[in-house]
């Protein structure tokens, strides 16, 4: 019994001393955060021009290109820089870099790797001592170098993304989170993507 009492006192001691390694009510406020995120998902693309190839062929279509293409999204790595303006709001910018190549302008051509820039914000709620929920709306600027069958650049696509997830602060300086996201892009073609994964964030000071 005495051993259990001593262990309990020692475990409680850091909190009683105000150990800054433990999460507190003002966590994230005034901290610079760098996040690494990895995930995978599915995507559907519907080109506005039937001459454009979106990853699948259709012999019954006028130009041999499927009007709607569905497939797994290319694996990508998300790098994120954020700053906690309050304990519940982070301002951030995300850079998505493709690890796999996407589809090319024709069925047998190599495609580009995804490059997207997405400014946004993360809003925390339902906060406990170490866990919280969040929602993260972003504007998406898609600079991926897709081309048509004549080699012409298809330009920048613009859209929006929303991430929702469960956050766990393991320490004042770092945490991990599980997320699910939805992305819509509408200017180059209409695309809708669902993905999910895990992320890790380090913070300073």
Foldseek 3Di string as FASTA:
>chain_A
DVVVVVVVCVVCVCVVVVPQFFFDQFFQAFKKKKKKWWKKWKKKWAFPDQQFAQADFDPPDPNRHDRMDIDIDATWMKIKIWGHNTSFKIWIKIWIWGPAWGQAQDNPDTHFIWTKIKTWMKGWDPDDRFKTKIKIKIKIWTPGQHAHPVRHGLDIWIWMKMKIWMWGRPTSFKTKIWIWMWIFTPDSTTMIIIMITMMMMGIDD
